[in-house]
Amino acid sequence: MTLLNWALTSAYFQLVTGEGVVAVFRRNLNRTFLAAFVYFALGAILIANLIDGSLRGYVLATIVAILSVVLTETIRERQTRVALEAQIADTQRHLAYTRAAEGMIHNLRNHLAVAKAYLEDLLAQASPPAAQ
């Protein structure tokens, strides 16, 4: 049944996007998807074994379902946090380069201002005084 669902879904995506079935499988059936699929399949097996028709079985099955979703969200949030921390580190590195470049440009402008002042003094000394 699962293979039939995958085949029908990939055929639908082929009709909608125009991509081939193999390309759809290659893009979507990665290691993360398969790990999540196995995780939820194990959760479903556990839930099926817990439901015995009693109130206790239904409560335990509900707890398993909630915990599986919460665990999945925690893992996703951790991955998002790691990605955001990497972006912040990259931004801080670029900020350090920018500040270093600003400092070098500031020093260069100071040296150019001093050189310009010396050249203006030399030009003033070399030119004859204006006749009054």
N, C-alpha and C. Protein backbone atom coordinates (compact mmCIF):
# COMPACT_ATOMS: atom_id res chain seq x y z
N MET A 1 0.83 -1.19 0.00
CA MET A 1 0.00 0.00 0.00
C MET A 1 0.87 1.25 0.00
N THR A 2 1.94 1.23 0.78
CA THR A 2 2.82 2.39 0.83
C THR A 2 3.46 2.64 -0.52
N LEU A 3 3.88 1.58 -1.19
CA LEU A 3 4.49 1.75 -2.52
C LEU A 3 3.48 2.33 -3.51
N LEU A 4 2.23 1.91 -3.40
CA LEU A 4 1.19 2.46 -4.27
C LEU A 4 0.99 3.95 -3.99
N ASN A 5 1.00 4.33 -2.71
CA ASN A 5 0.88 5.75 -2.36
C ASN A 5 2.04 6.55 -2.94
N TRP A 6 3.26 6.02 -2.81
CA TRP A 6 4.43 6.74 -3.35
C TRP A 6 4.33 6.86 -4.87
N ALA A 7 3.90 5.81 -5.53
CA ALA A 7 3.79 5.84 -6.99
C ALA A 7 2.73 6.85 -7.44
N LEU A 8 1.58 6.85 -6.78
CA LEU A 8 0.52 7.79 -7.15
C LEU A 8 0.94 9.24 -6.87
N THR A 9 1.60 9.45 -5.75
CA THR A 9 2.05 10.80 -5.41
C THR A 9 3.09 11.29 -6.40
N SER A 10 4.04 10.45 -6.77
CA SER A 10 5.06 10.86 -7.73
C SER A 10 4.45 11.10 -9.11
N ALA A 11 3.46 10.30 -9.49
CA ALA A 11 2.78 10.53 -10.77
C ALA A 11 2.02 11.85 -10.75
N TYR A 12 1.41 12.18 -9.63
CA TYR A 12 0.72 13.46 -9.50
C TYR A 12 1.71 14.62 -9.63
N PHE A 13 2.84 14.52 -8.94
CA PHE A 13 3.85 15.59 -9.03
C PHE A 13 4.41 15.70 -10.44
N GLN A 14 4.49 14.58 -11.15
CA GLN A 14 4.96 14.63 -12.53
C GLN A 14 3.96 15.41 -13.38
N LEU A 15 2.68 15.20 -13.15
CA LEU A 15 1.67 15.93 -13.91
C LEU A 15 1.68 17.42 -13.57
N VAL A 16 1.85 17.74 -12.29
CA VAL A 16 1.78 19.13 -11.86
C VAL A 16 3.04 19.90 -12.24
N THR A 17 4.22 19.32 -11.98
CA THR A 17 5.47 20.05 -12.19
C THR A 17 6.13 19.75 -13.52
N GLY A 18 5.80 18.65 -14.14
CA GLY A 18 6.44 18.27 -15.40
C GLY A 18 7.76 17.55 -15.20
N GLU A 19 8.16 17.30 -13.98
CA GLU A 19 9.39 16.55 -13.71
C GLU A 19 9.12 15.06 -13.84
N GLY A 20 10.18 14.32 -14.10
CA GLY A 20 10.05 12.88 -14.19
C GLY A 20 9.88 12.24 -12.83
N VAL A 21 9.33 11.02 -12.83
CA VAL A 21 9.11 10.30 -11.59
C VAL A 21 10.43 10.05 -10.87
N VAL A 22 11.46 9.71 -11.62
CA VAL A 22 12.77 9.44 -11.01
C VAL A 22 13.32 10.70 -10.35
N ALA A 23 13.16 11.86 -10.99
CA ALA A 23 13.64 13.12 -10.42
C ALA A 23 12.89 13.45 -9.13
N VAL A 24 11.59 13.18 -9.12
CA VAL A 24 10.80 13.43 -7.92
C VAL A 24 11.28 12.53 -6.78
N PHE A 25 11.48 11.23 -7.09
CA PHE A 25 11.98 10.32 -6.06
C PHE A 25 13.37 10.72 -5.58
N ARG A 26 14.23 11.07 -6.51
CA ARG A 26 15.60 11.42 -6.15
C ARG A 26 15.63 12.65 -5.24
N ARG A 27 14.78 13.62 -5.51
CA ARG A 27 14.77 14.84 -4.73
C ARG A 27 14.11 14.66 -3.36
N ASN A 28 13.08 13.84 -3.28
CA ASN A 28 12.30 13.75 -2.05
C ASN A 28 12.66 12.57 -1.16
N LEU A 29 13.09 11.47 -1.73
CA LEU A 29 13.40 10.31 -0.90
C LEU A 29 14.87 10.35 -0.48
N ASN A 30 15.17 11.30 0.38
CA ASN A 30 16.54 11.41 0.88
C ASN A 30 16.63 10.74 2.25
N ARG A 31 17.78 10.82 2.85
CA ARG A 31 18.03 10.15 4.12
C ARG A 31 17.13 10.70 5.23
N THR A 32 16.90 12.01 5.24
CA THR A 32 16.07 12.61 6.27
C THR A 32 14.63 12.13 6.16
N PHE A 33 14.11 12.08 4.93
CA PHE A 33 12.74 11.62 4.74
C PHE A 33 12.59 10.16 5.17
N LEU A 34 13.54 9.33 4.78
CA LEU A 34 13.44 7.92 5.15
C LEU A 34 13.55 7.72 6.66
N ALA A 35 14.41 8.50 7.32
CA ALA A 35 14.52 8.41 8.78
C ALA A 35 13.20 8.81 9.44
N ALA A 36 12.59 9.89 8.96
CA ALA A 36 11.30 10.32 9.52
C ALA A 36 10.22 9.27 9.24
N PHE A 37 10.26 8.68 8.05
CA PHE A 37 9.26 7.66 7.71
C PHE A 37 9.39 6.46 8.64
N VAL A 38 10.61 6.00 8.87
CA VAL A 38 10.83 4.86 9.77
C VAL A 38 10.42 5.22 11.19
N TYR A 39 10.75 6.45 11.62
CA TYR A 39 10.40 6.90 12.97
C TYR A 39 8.89 6.87 13.18
N PHE A 40 8.14 7.43 12.23
CA PHE A 40 6.69 7.44 12.38
C PHE A 40 6.10 6.05 12.19
N ALA A 41 6.72 5.20 11.39
CA ALA A 41 6.25 3.82 11.25
C ALA A 41 6.41 3.07 12.57
N LEU A 42 7.54 3.27 13.24
CA LEU A 42 7.73 2.64 14.55
C LEU A 42 6.74 3.18 15.57
N GLY A 43 6.48 4.49 15.49
CA GLY A 43 5.46 5.07 16.38
C GLY A 43 4.09 4.48 16.12
N ALA A 44 3.76 4.27 14.84
CA ALA A 44 2.46 3.67 14.50
C ALA A 44 2.37 2.23 15.00
N ILE A 45 3.47 1.49 14.90
CA ILE A 45 3.47 0.11 15.41
C ILE A 45 3.27 0.11 16.92
N LEU A 46 3.95 1.03 17.61
CA LEU A 46 3.81 1.13 19.06
C LEU A 46 2.38 1.51 19.44
N ILE A 47 1.81 2.46 18.72
CA ILE A 47 0.42 2.87 19.00
C ILE A 47 -0.54 1.71 18.75
N ALA A 48 -0.33 0.97 17.66
CA ALA A 48 -1.21 -0.17 17.36
C ALA A 48 -1.14 -1.23 18.46
N ASN A 49 0.04 -1.41 19.05
CA ASN A 49 0.16 -2.39 20.12
C ASN A 49 -0.40 -1.88 21.45
N LEU A 50 -0.45 -0.56 21.62
CA LEU A 50 -0.98 -0.02 22.88
C LEU A 50 -2.50 0.03 22.91
N ILE A 51 -3.11 0.22 21.75
CA ILE A 51 -4.57 0.33 21.73
C ILE A 51 -5.17 -1.07 21.89
N ASP A 52 -5.78 -1.27 23.03
CA ASP A 52 -6.40 -2.57 23.31
C ASP A 52 -7.90 -2.44 23.56
N GLY A 53 -8.45 -1.28 23.24
CA GLY A 53 -9.89 -1.09 23.44
C GLY A 53 -10.24 -0.49 24.78
N SER A 54 -9.28 -0.37 25.66
CA SER A 54 -9.56 0.22 26.97
C SER A 54 -9.18 1.70 26.96
N LEU A 55 -9.66 2.39 27.97
CA LEU A 55 -9.34 3.82 28.10
C LEU A 55 -7.84 4.00 28.30
N ARG A 56 -7.24 3.11 29.07
CA ARG A 56 -5.79 3.17 29.30
C ARG A 56 -5.01 3.05 27.99
N GLY A 57 -5.43 2.16 27.11
CA GLY A 57 -4.76 1.98 25.82
C GLY A 57 -4.86 3.22 24.95
N TYR A 58 -6.05 3.85 24.95
CA TYR A 58 -6.22 5.06 24.16
C TYR A 58 -5.39 6.21 24.72
N VAL A 59 -5.33 6.32 26.03
CA VAL A 59 -4.52 7.38 26.65
C VAL A 59 -3.04 7.17 26.34
N LEU A 60 -2.56 5.94 26.47
CA LEU A 60 -1.15 5.66 26.18
C LEU A 60 -0.83 5.91 24.70
N ALA A 61 -1.74 5.54 23.82
CA ALA A 61 -1.53 5.78 22.39
C ALA A 61 -1.48 7.27 22.09
N THR A 62 -2.34 8.04 22.74
CA THR A 62 -2.32 9.49 22.56
C THR A 62 -1.02 10.08 23.06
N ILE A 63 -0.54 9.61 24.20
CA ILE A 63 0.74 10.09 24.74
C ILE A 63 1.88 9.78 23.78
N VAL A 64 1.89 8.58 23.22
CA VAL A 64 2.94 8.21 22.26
C VAL A 64 2.89 9.12 21.03
N ALA A 65 1.69 9.39 20.53
CA ALA A 65 1.55 10.26 19.36
C ALA A 65 2.05 11.67 19.67
N ILE A 66 1.67 12.20 20.81
CA ILE A 66 2.10 13.55 21.19
C ILE A 66 3.61 13.60 21.36
N LEU A 67 4.17 12.60 22.03
CA LEU A 67 5.63 12.59 22.24
C LEU A 67 6.39 12.45 20.94
N SER A 68 5.87 11.69 19.99
CA SER A 68 6.57 11.55 18.72
C SER A 68 6.59 12.86 17.95
N VAL A 69 5.47 13.59 17.97
CA VAL A 69 5.43 14.89 17.29
C VAL A 69 6.33 15.89 18.01
N VAL A 70 6.29 15.90 19.34
CA VAL A 70 7.13 16.83 20.11
C VAL A 70 8.60 16.54 19.86
N LEU A 71 8.99 15.28 19.83
CA LEU A 71 10.39 14.94 19.58
C LEU A 71 10.81 15.38 18.18
N THR A 72 9.95 15.20 17.21
CA THR A 72 10.25 15.63 15.84
C THR A 72 10.42 17.14 15.78
N GLU A 73 9.54 17.88 16.45
CA GLU A 73 9.65 19.34 16.46
C GLU A 73 10.92 19.79 17.18
N THR A 74 11.30 19.11 18.24
CA THR A 74 12.52 19.46 18.96
C THR A 74 13.74 19.27 18.08
N ILE A 75 13.78 18.18 17.34
CA ILE A 75 14.91 17.92 16.44
C ILE A 75 14.95 18.98 15.34
N ARG A 76 13.79 19.33 14.79
CA ARG A 76 13.73 20.35 13.73
C ARG A 76 14.17 21.71 14.26
N GLU A 77 13.73 22.05 15.47
CA GLU A 77 14.13 23.33 16.06
C GLU A 77 15.62 23.36 16.34
N ARG A 78 16.19 22.25 16.76
CA ARG A 78 17.63 22.19 17.00
C ARG A 78 18.40 22.39 15.69
N GLN A 79 17.93 21.78 14.62
CA GLN A 79 18.58 21.96 13.32
C GLN A 79 18.46 23.41 12.85
N THR A 80 17.30 24.01 13.08
CA THR A 80 17.11 25.42 12.70
C THR A 80 18.03 26.31 13.52
N ARG A 81 18.16 26.03 14.81
CA ARG A 81 19.03 26.83 15.67
C ARG A 81 20.48 26.73 15.23
N VAL A 82 20.92 25.53 14.88
CA VAL A 82 22.30 25.35 14.41
C VAL A 82 22.53 26.14 13.12
N ALA A 83 21.55 26.10 12.21
CA ALA A 83 21.68 26.85 10.95
C ALA A 83 21.72 28.35 11.21
N LEU A 84 20.88 28.83 12.13
CA LEU A 84 20.89 30.26 12.44
C LEU A 84 22.18 30.68 13.13
N GLU A 85 22.71 29.82 14.01
CA GLU A 85 23.99 30.14 14.65
C GLU A 85 25.11 30.21 13.62
N ALA A 86 25.08 29.35 12.61
CA ALA A 86 26.08 29.41 11.55
C ALA A 86 25.95 30.70 10.75
N GLN A 87 24.73 31.14 10.50
CA GLN A 87 24.53 32.40 9.79
C GLN A 87 25.02 33.58 10.61
N ILE A 88 24.78 33.55 11.92
CA ILE A 88 25.26 34.64 12.78
C ILE A 88 26.78 34.67 12.80
N ALA A 89 27.42 33.51 12.89
CA ALA A 89 28.88 33.47 12.88
C ALA A 89 29.42 34.01 11.57
N ASP A 90 28.78 33.67 10.47
CA ASP A 90 29.21 34.18 9.16
C ASP A 90 29.03 35.69 9.09
N THR A 91 27.92 36.19 9.60
CA THR A 91 27.67 37.64 9.61
C THR A 91 28.69 38.35 10.48
N GLN A 92 29.02 37.79 11.63
CA GLN A 92 30.02 38.41 12.50
C GLN A 92 31.39 38.43 11.84
N ARG A 93 31.72 37.40 11.10
CA ARG A 93 32.99 37.38 10.39
C ARG A 93 33.03 38.48 9.34
N HIS A 94 31.94 38.62 8.58
CA HIS A 94 31.88 39.68 7.57
C HIS A 94 31.93 41.06 8.22
N LEU A 95 31.30 41.21 9.38
CA LEU A 95 31.32 42.48 10.09
C LEU A 95 32.74 42.82 10.53
N ALA A 96 33.49 41.83 10.98
CA ALA A 96 34.88 42.07 11.38
C ALA A 96 35.71 42.51 10.18
N TYR A 97 35.51 41.87 9.04
CA TYR A 97 36.24 42.29 7.83
C TYR A 97 35.87 43.71 7.43
N THR A 98 34.59 44.05 7.54
CA THR A 98 34.14 45.39 7.18
C THR A 98 34.76 46.43 8.10
N ARG A 99 34.81 46.15 9.39
CA ARG A 99 35.40 47.11 10.33
C ARG A 99 36.90 47.25 10.08
N ALA A 100 37.57 46.17 9.77
CA ALA A 100 39.00 46.26 9.46
C ALA A 100 39.23 47.09 8.21
N ALA A 101 38.40 46.90 7.19
CA ALA A 101 38.53 47.68 5.96
C ALA A 101 38.23 49.15 6.22
N GLU A 102 37.23 49.44 7.05
CA GLU A 102 36.93 50.84 7.39
C GLU A 102 38.11 51.50 8.08
N GLY A 103 38.75 50.78 9.00
CA GLY A 103 39.92 51.32 9.69
C GLY A 103 41.06 51.60 8.74
N MET A 104 41.31 50.68 7.81
CA MET A 104 42.40 50.89 6.84
C MET A 104 42.09 52.07 5.93
N ILE A 105 40.85 52.20 5.50
CA ILE A 105 40.48 53.32 4.63
C ILE A 105 40.60 54.63 5.39
N HIS A 106 40.23 54.65 6.66
CA HIS A 106 40.36 55.85 7.48
C HIS A 106 41.83 56.26 7.59
N ASN A 107 42.70 55.31 7.86
CA ASN A 107 44.14 55.62 7.95
C ASN A 107 44.68 56.11 6.61
N LEU A 108 44.25 55.50 5.53
CA LEU A 108 44.70 55.92 4.20
C LEU A 108 44.25 57.35 3.91
N ARG A 109 43.02 57.69 4.27
CA ARG A 109 42.54 59.06 4.06
C ARG A 109 43.34 60.05 4.89
N ASN A 110 43.71 59.67 6.11
CA ASN A 110 44.54 60.57 6.93
C ASN A 110 45.89 60.80 6.27
N HIS A 111 46.52 59.74 5.78
CA HIS A 111 47.83 59.88 5.13
C HIS A 111 47.71 60.72 3.86
N LEU A 112 46.64 60.51 3.10
CA LEU A 112 46.43 61.30 1.88
C LEU A 112 46.21 62.77 2.21
N ALA A 113 45.51 63.06 3.29
CA ALA A 113 45.29 64.46 3.69
C ALA A 113 46.61 65.12 4.07
N VAL A 114 47.48 64.39 4.77
CA VAL A 114 48.79 64.94 5.13
C VAL A 114 49.63 65.16 3.88
N ALA A 115 49.63 64.20 2.96
CA ALA A 115 50.41 64.35 1.72
C ALA A 115 49.87 65.52 0.90
N LYS A 116 48.57 65.69 0.85
CA LYS A 116 47.99 66.81 0.11
C LYS A 116 48.41 68.14 0.73
N ALA A 117 48.40 68.20 2.05
CA ALA A 117 48.82 69.44 2.72
C ALA A 117 50.28 69.75 2.43
N TYR A 118 51.17 68.75 2.46
CA TYR A 118 52.58 68.97 2.12
C TYR A 118 52.72 69.46 0.69
N LEU A 119 51.99 68.84 -0.24
CA LEU A 119 52.06 69.27 -1.64
C LEU A 119 51.57 70.70 -1.81
N GLU A 120 50.52 71.06 -1.11
CA GLU A 120 50.03 72.44 -1.19
C GLU A 120 51.06 73.42 -0.65
N ASP A 121 51.75 73.04 0.45
CA ASP A 121 52.81 73.89 1.00
C ASP A 121 53.96 74.03 0.01
N LEU A 122 54.35 72.91 -0.62
CA LEU A 122 55.44 72.97 -1.60
C LEU A 122 55.05 73.83 -2.80
N LEU A 123 53.82 73.70 -3.25
CA LEU A 123 53.37 74.53 -4.37
C LEU A 123 53.33 76.00 -3.98
N ALA A 124 52.94 76.28 -2.76
CA ALA A 124 52.89 77.68 -2.31
C ALA A 124 54.30 78.26 -2.21
N GLN A 125 55.27 77.45 -1.80
CA GLN A 125 56.66 77.93 -1.69
C GLN A 125 57.30 78.06 -3.07
N ALA A 126 56.95 77.20 -4.00
CA ALA A 126 57.58 77.21 -5.32
C ALA A 126 57.01 78.29 -6.22
N SER A 127 55.78 78.66 -6.03
CA SER A 127 55.20 79.68 -6.91
C SER A 127 55.67 81.07 -6.46
N PRO A 128 55.94 81.95 -7.42
CA PRO A 128 56.38 83.30 -7.05
C PRO A 128 55.25 84.06 -6.38
N PRO A 129 55.61 84.95 -5.48
CA PRO A 129 54.55 85.73 -4.82
C PRO A 129 53.80 86.57 -5.85
N ALA A 130 52.54 86.67 -5.64
CA ALA A 130 51.71 87.43 -6.58
C ALA A 130 52.01 88.92 -6.45
N ALA A 131 52.10 89.58 -7.57
CA ALA A 131 52.39 91.02 -7.56
C ALA A 131 51.17 91.78 -7.11
N GLN A 132 51.42 92.69 -6.22
CA GLN A 132 50.29 93.46 -5.71
C GLN A 132 50.24 94.81 -6.30
